[in-house]
Amino acid sequence: MIRYLIRRILMLIPVMIGVSIVTFSLMYIVPGDAVEVIVGERASEEIREKAVEELGLDKPFHEQYLSYMSRIIKGDLGKSYINNISIKESIKQRFPVTFKLTLYSFTISVVVGVFVGVISAVKQNTPIDSFVRSVNLLGVSTPVMFLGLLMMYIFGVWFKVLPVSGVGDGSIKYFILPSLVLGLNSAVFRARLTRSCMLEVIRQDYIRTARSKGLAEKIVIYKHAMRNAMIPIATNLIMSFGYLLTGSAITETIFGLPGLGSETIRAVFQRDVPAVMGYFLFQAVIFVTFNLLVDISYALINPRIRFN
């Protein structure tokens, strides 16, 4: 187990190098001019040239990349081209907002998704199952942006019971709507996976044997079936937390949350290369970490699984 963990941690190095090369290359070739955003459209050619030289944008691609990576190795993520704020400081300020949103959304997703999935599997081919599958289909087909705007109109404009933008004093009421939007969007996928896993397990011979012994249906379902169905479900749970943590940009933008996702979108549109690189590398570390946690969870849930 220790050897496996060390090997996986060392694998993080080539992964991060690959992410940095791809991200830096995309920012280098996409249309747009960061200098124009910084100095303005009406700036003189002299001012533009000075800005290009100060930022090192006059150097070849490989020199720019190596210069950036040499700073990364020293722990320096650089400063934003646009607001001159340290990328580290920006992550410290914005990540708590993203983490709060992710935590609330994940809780909603787990409670709703797993519960609905189990009920749908137990009540297979009944009106309840048909209703759940219809709602799931509707949820899968509904874009996050549309659901967010609909929630904002109903609860913020129509009933006027919840704030629709910003974080205010940081209380939970500012996170209710975005958490519902992000959590319910994730819950429909989790419900479908849970239903499929439970149906596969319920059809196994040992479940029929447990029932034939006269065990109560609750014990059969929640003690025997649920435990064996939890391996793929647990994988999805852990990975979905990583997905929510690194993929909440659209929801944050819709609800005006000053999180890491909305700031990443801002940086991409403004060609703020240091900011984009710093945010992407940080999110890549998070994603790889959760991927490792998924593998570890296999052994914790099912002791028969061992690592080579």
Protein backbone atom coordinates (compact mmCIF):
# COMPACT_ATOMS: atom_id res chain seq x y z
CA MET A 1 0.00 0.00 0.00
CA ILE A 2 2.79 2.46 0.95
CA ARG A 3 4.70 1.61 -2.22
CA TYR A 4 1.59 2.17 -4.29
CA LEU A 5 0.97 5.57 -2.69
CA ILE A 6 4.58 6.66 -3.31
CA ARG A 7 4.34 5.55 -6.94
CA ARG A 8 1.09 7.43 -7.46
CA ILE A 9 2.46 10.58 -5.83
CA LEU A 10 5.54 10.45 -8.07
CA MET A 11 3.23 10.09 -11.08
CA LEU A 12 1.88 13.50 -10.17
CA ILE A 13 5.07 15.10 -11.57
CA PRO A 14 4.63 14.08 -15.26
CA VAL A 15 0.90 14.75 -15.01
CA MET A 16 1.50 18.31 -13.81
CA ILE A 17 4.14 18.87 -16.50
CA GLY A 18 1.68 17.66 -19.14
CA VAL A 19 -1.09 19.93 -17.81
CA SER A 20 1.27 22.91 -17.77
CA ILE A 21 2.45 22.30 -21.36
CA VAL A 22 -1.08 21.89 -22.73
CA THR A 23 -2.46 24.91 -20.85
CA PHE A 24 0.48 27.16 -21.72
CA SER A 25 0.30 26.10 -25.38
CA LEU A 26 -3.42 26.82 -25.61
CA MET A 27 -3.00 30.25 -24.04
CA TYR A 28 -0.16 30.94 -26.49
CA ILE A 29 -2.10 30.06 -29.66
CA VAL A 30 -5.67 31.20 -28.90
CA PRO A 31 -6.77 34.53 -30.41
CA GLY A 32 -6.57 37.62 -28.22
CA ASP A 33 -4.02 40.02 -26.83
CA ALA A 34 -3.31 40.24 -23.12
CA VAL A 35 -1.28 43.41 -23.64
CA GLU A 36 -4.29 45.17 -25.15
CA VAL A 37 -6.34 44.29 -22.08
CA ILE A 38 -3.61 45.65 -19.80
CA VAL A 39 -2.68 48.93 -21.52
CA GLY A 40 -5.96 49.58 -23.34
CA GLU A 41 -6.88 49.83 -27.01
CA ARG A 42 -5.74 53.45 -27.38
CA ALA A 43 -2.25 52.98 -25.93
CA SER A 44 0.66 54.07 -28.10
CA GLU A 45 2.95 51.57 -29.78
CA GLU A 46 5.76 52.58 -27.43
CA ILE A 47 3.69 51.75 -24.36
CA ARG A 48 2.63 48.42 -25.91
CA GLU A 49 6.22 47.46 -26.67
CA LYS A 50 7.30 48.35 -23.16
CA ALA A 51 4.52 46.20 -21.67
CA VAL A 52 5.41 43.27 -23.96
CA GLU A 53 9.05 43.50 -22.90
CA GLU A 54 8.23 43.75 -19.17
CA LEU A 55 5.97 40.68 -19.36
CA GLY A 56 8.51 38.72 -21.39
CA LEU A 57 6.03 38.17 -24.21
CA ASP A 58 8.64 39.11 -26.80
CA LYS A 59 10.56 35.89 -26.12
CA PRO A 60 10.01 32.59 -28.00
CA PHE A 61 7.43 30.14 -26.69
CA HIS A 62 9.93 27.70 -25.13
CA GLU A 63 11.75 30.49 -23.28
CA GLN A 64 8.48 31.84 -21.88
CA TYR A 65 7.45 28.34 -20.75
CA LEU A 66 10.81 27.48 -19.15
CA SER A 67 10.91 30.86 -17.41
CA TYR A 68 7.45 30.27 -15.99
CA MET A 69 8.21 26.70 -14.87
CA SER A 70 11.45 27.80 -13.17
CA ARG A 71 9.35 30.11 -10.99
CA ILE A 72 6.80 27.37 -10.34
CA ILE A 73 9.53 25.04 -9.04
CA LYS A 74 10.48 27.75 -6.53
CA GLY A 75 6.85 27.97 -5.40
CA ASP A 76 6.15 31.27 -7.16
CA LEU A 77 2.86 31.18 -9.09
CA GLY A 78 3.40 34.75 -10.24
CA LYS A 79 1.02 37.69 -10.35
CA SER A 80 -2.03 38.43 -12.45
CA TYR A 81 -1.40 40.51 -15.56
CA ILE A 82 -4.67 42.38 -15.02
CA ASN A 83 -4.85 43.28 -11.32
CA ASN A 84 -1.26 42.52 -10.24
CA ILE A 85 -2.51 40.32 -7.38
CA SER A 86 -0.48 37.28 -6.34
CA ILE A 87 -1.98 34.06 -7.73
CA LYS A 88 -1.37 32.35 -4.39
CA GLU A 89 -3.28 35.10 -2.59
CA SER A 90 -6.10 34.92 -5.12
CA ILE A 91 -6.42 31.14 -4.59
CA LYS A 92 -6.47 31.63 -0.80
CA GLN A 93 -9.25 34.20 -1.10
CA ARG A 94 -11.41 32.42 -3.65
CA PHE A 95 -10.98 28.72 -2.93
CA PRO A 96 -13.01 28.81 0.35
CA VAL A 97 -16.04 30.04 -1.63
CA THR A 98 -15.67 27.22 -4.16
CA PHE A 99 -15.13 24.68 -1.38
CA LYS A 100 -18.29 25.81 0.45
CA LEU A 101 -20.34 25.58 -2.72
CA THR A 102 -18.89 22.14 -3.46
CA LEU A 103 -19.54 20.83 0.06
CA TYR A 104 -23.19 21.93 0.08
CA SER A 105 -23.75 20.70 -3.48
CA PHE A 106 -22.11 17.36 -2.74
CA THR A 107 -24.31 16.83 0.32
CA ILE A 108 -27.46 17.51 -1.70
CA SER A 109 -26.22 15.28 -4.50
CA VAL A 110 -25.44 12.33 -2.21
CA VAL A 111 -28.62 12.50 -0.14
CA VAL A 112 -30.92 12.92 -3.14
CA GLY A 113 -29.04 10.79 -5.67
CA VAL A 114 -28.32 7.70 -3.56
CA PHE A 115 -31.72 7.71 -1.84
CA VAL A 116 -33.66 8.12 -5.08
CA GLY A 117 -31.49 5.53 -6.86
CA VAL A 118 -32.03 2.89 -4.16
CA ILE A 119 -35.80 3.52 -4.04
CA SER A 120 -36.01 3.31 -7.83
CA ALA A 121 -34.13 -0.01 -7.86
CA VAL A 122 -36.19 -1.54 -5.03
CA LYS A 123 -39.43 -0.40 -6.69
CA GLN A 124 -38.34 -1.47 -10.18
CA ASN A 125 -41.01 -1.26 -12.90
CA THR A 126 -43.53 0.40 -10.56
CA PRO A 127 -45.08 3.88 -11.00
CA ILE A 128 -42.47 5.22 -8.54
CA ASP A 129 -39.64 3.88 -10.69
CA SER A 130 -41.21 5.32 -13.85
CA PHE A 131 -41.60 8.73 -12.20
CA VAL A 132 -37.99 8.73 -10.96
CA ARG A 133 -36.64 7.77 -14.37
CA SER A 134 -38.72 10.50 -16.04
CA VAL A 135 -37.40 13.12 -13.61
CA ASN A 136 -33.85 11.85 -14.16
CA LEU A 137 -34.25 12.16 -17.92
CA LEU A 138 -35.54 15.70 -17.50
CA GLY A 139 -32.65 16.55 -15.17
CA VAL A 140 -30.02 15.16 -17.54
CA SER A 141 -31.52 17.16 -20.40
CA THR A 142 -31.66 20.47 -18.50
CA PRO A 143 -28.56 22.69 -18.83
CA VAL A 144 -27.12 24.10 -15.60
CA MET A 145 -27.46 27.64 -16.96
CA PHE A 146 -31.20 27.26 -17.61
CA LEU A 147 -31.82 25.63 -14.22
CA GLY A 148 -29.85 28.40 -12.49
CA LEU A 149 -31.78 31.20 -14.18
CA LEU A 150 -35.07 29.41 -13.44
CA MET A 151 -34.17 29.07 -9.74
CA MET A 152 -33.14 32.73 -9.61
CA TYR A 153 -36.46 33.83 -11.07
CA ILE A 154 -38.64 31.60 -8.87
CA PHE A 155 -36.94 32.08 -5.49
CA GLY A 156 -35.24 35.44 -5.99
CA VAL A 157 -37.61 37.45 -8.19
CA TRP A 158 -40.98 35.78 -7.75
CA PHE A 159 -41.04 34.71 -4.08
CA LYS A 160 -38.12 36.96 -3.03
CA VAL A 161 -37.00 34.55 -0.30
CA LEU A 162 -33.38 33.95 -1.28
CA PRO A 163 -30.50 36.11 -2.58
CA VAL A 164 -29.56 35.45 -6.18
CA SER A 165 -26.07 36.90 -6.41
CA GLY A 166 -22.85 37.24 -4.41
CA VAL A 167 -21.93 35.81 -1.02
CA GLY A 168 -22.91 38.75 1.20
CA ASP A 169 -21.82 37.97 4.76
CA GLY A 170 -20.90 34.41 3.77
CA SER A 171 -23.95 32.83 5.42
CA ILE A 172 -25.53 29.69 4.04
CA LYS A 173 -28.53 31.48 2.52
CA TYR A 174 -26.28 32.86 -0.24
CA PHE A 175 -25.26 29.31 -1.17
CA ILE A 176 -28.69 27.65 -1.16
CA LEU A 177 -29.65 28.37 -4.79
CA PRO A 178 -26.25 27.68 -6.40
CA SER A 179 -25.87 24.54 -4.27
CA LEU A 180 -29.29 23.28 -5.32
CA VAL A 181 -28.51 23.90 -8.99
CA LEU A 182 -25.10 22.21 -8.88
CA GLY A 183 -26.19 19.46 -6.47
CA LEU A 184 -29.36 18.45 -8.31
CA ASN A 185 -27.52 18.42 -11.63
CA SER A 186 -25.05 15.94 -10.13
CA ALA A 187 -27.76 13.99 -8.28
CA VAL A 188 -29.53 12.82 -11.44
CA PHE A 189 -26.39 11.09 -12.68
CA ARG A 190 -25.77 9.56 -9.24
CA ALA A 191 -29.35 8.30 -9.03
CA ARG A 192 -29.01 6.52 -12.38
CA LEU A 193 -25.71 4.93 -11.37
CA THR A 194 -27.07 3.86 -7.96
CA ARG A 195 -30.14 2.30 -9.56
CA SER A 196 -28.03 0.35 -12.07
CA CYS A 197 -25.60 -0.90 -9.40
CA MET A 198 -28.39 -1.91 -7.04
CA LEU A 199 -30.31 -3.77 -9.77
CA GLU A 200 -27.18 -5.70 -10.73
CA VAL A 201 -26.54 -6.74 -7.13
CA ILE A 202 -30.19 -7.53 -6.31
CA ARG A 203 -30.24 -10.09 -9.15
CA GLN A 204 -27.29 -12.02 -7.70
CA ASP A 205 -27.76 -15.53 -6.25
CA TYR A 206 -26.63 -14.62 -2.74
CA ILE A 207 -29.41 -12.00 -2.49
CA ARG A 208 -32.00 -14.66 -3.41
CA THR A 209 -30.41 -16.95 -0.81
CA ALA A 210 -30.63 -14.24 1.86
CA ARG A 211 -34.30 -13.75 1.07
CA SER A 212 -34.97 -17.49 1.10
CA LYS A 213 -33.54 -17.65 4.64
CA GLY A 214 -36.33 -15.35 5.76
CA LEU A 215 -34.23 -12.22 6.36
CA ALA A 216 -36.16 -8.98 6.49
CA GLU A 217 -36.18 -7.05 3.20
CA LYS A 218 -34.52 -4.04 4.84
CA ILE A 219 -31.60 -6.19 5.99
CA VAL A 220 -31.26 -7.79 2.55
CA ILE A 221 -31.25 -4.41 0.80
CA TYR A 222 -29.27 -2.20 3.17
CA LYS A 223 -26.84 -4.73 4.67
CA HIS A 224 -26.12 -7.13 1.83
CA ALA A 225 -27.05 -5.40 -1.44
CA MET A 226 -25.94 -1.86 -0.57
CA ARG A 227 -22.50 -2.93 0.67
CA ASN A 228 -21.63 -4.74 -2.55
CA ALA A 229 -23.11 -2.03 -4.74
CA MET A 230 -21.05 0.65 -2.96
CA ILE A 231 -17.77 0.10 -4.85
CA PRO A 232 -18.78 1.84 -8.10
CA ILE A 233 -21.00 4.24 -6.13
CA ALA A 234 -18.12 5.21 -3.82
CA THR A 235 -15.91 5.76 -6.84
CA ASN A 236 -18.51 8.09 -8.27
CA LEU A 237 -18.97 9.88 -4.93
CA ILE A 238 -15.29 10.67 -4.47
CA MET A 239 -14.71 11.60 -8.09
CA SER A 240 -17.84 13.74 -8.19
CA PHE A 241 -16.53 15.79 -5.26
CA GLY A 242 -13.40 16.44 -7.32
CA TYR A 243 -15.53 17.26 -10.36
CA LEU A 244 -17.69 19.67 -8.36
CA LEU A 245 -14.62 21.27 -6.81
CA THR A 246 -12.98 21.90 -10.17
CA GLY A 247 -16.07 22.24 -12.37
CA SER A 248 -18.31 24.78 -10.66
CA ALA A 249 -17.27 27.68 -12.91
CA ILE A 250 -20.60 28.09 -14.74
CA THR A 251 -22.65 28.01 -11.54
CA GLU A 252 -20.32 30.50 -9.84
CA THR A 253 -20.56 32.83 -12.83
CA ILE A 254 -24.37 32.66 -13.00
CA PHE A 255 -24.79 33.46 -9.30
CA GLY A 256 -21.93 35.95 -9.12
CA LEU A 257 -19.92 33.96 -6.58
CA PRO A 258 -16.30 35.12 -6.22
CA GLY A 259 -14.94 31.57 -6.39
CA LEU A 260 -12.04 29.97 -8.18
CA GLY A 261 -14.18 28.78 -11.10
CA SER A 262 -15.58 32.20 -12.04
CA GLU A 263 -12.12 33.74 -11.65
CA THR A 264 -10.68 31.10 -14.00
CA ILE A 265 -13.24 32.03 -16.67
CA ARG A 266 -12.33 35.69 -16.22
CA ALA A 267 -8.63 34.91 -16.59
CA VAL A 268 -9.18 32.84 -19.75
CA PHE A 269 -11.17 35.58 -21.49
CA GLN A 270 -8.60 38.23 -20.55
CA ARG A 271 -5.63 36.09 -21.59
CA ASP A 272 -4.26 36.40 -18.05
CA VAL A 273 -1.67 33.62 -18.52
CA PRO A 274 -0.18 33.47 -14.98
CA ALA A 275 -3.67 33.33 -13.46
CA VAL A 276 -4.90 30.64 -15.86
CA MET A 277 -1.77 28.55 -15.33
CA GLY A 278 -1.91 28.87 -11.56
CA TYR A 279 -5.61 28.01 -11.32
CA PHE A 280 -5.36 25.09 -13.74
CA LEU A 281 -2.32 23.58 -11.99
CA PHE A 282 -4.04 23.93 -8.62
CA GLN A 283 -7.18 22.24 -9.92
CA ALA A 284 -5.11 19.49 -11.55
CA VAL A 285 -3.52 18.69 -8.18
CA ILE A 286 -6.98 18.47 -6.63
CA PHE A 287 -8.28 16.18 -9.37
CA VAL A 288 -5.30 13.82 -9.23
CA THR A 289 -5.58 13.68 -5.44
CA PHE A 290 -9.22 12.64 -5.61
CA ASN A 291 -8.34 10.06 -8.24
CA LEU A 292 -5.88 8.57 -5.75
CA LEU A 293 -8.54 8.59 -3.01
CA VAL A 294 -10.83 6.60 -5.31
CA ASP A 295 -8.24 3.84 -5.64
CA ILE A 296 -7.68 3.77 -1.87
CA SER A 297 -11.43 3.57 -1.26
CA TYR A 298 -11.58 0.30 -3.22
CA ALA A 299 -9.49 -1.49 -0.60
CA LEU A 300 -11.36 0.09 2.31
CA ILE A 301 -14.76 -0.94 0.96
CA ASN A 302 -13.76 -4.37 -0.29
CA PRO A 303 -10.84 -5.98 1.64
CA ARG A 304 -10.42 -8.57 -1.13
CA ILE A 305 -8.93 -5.84 -3.36
CA ARG A 306 -5.17 -5.48 -2.97
CA PHE A 307 -2.67 -3.17 -4.62
CA ASN A 308 0.30 -4.51 -6.56
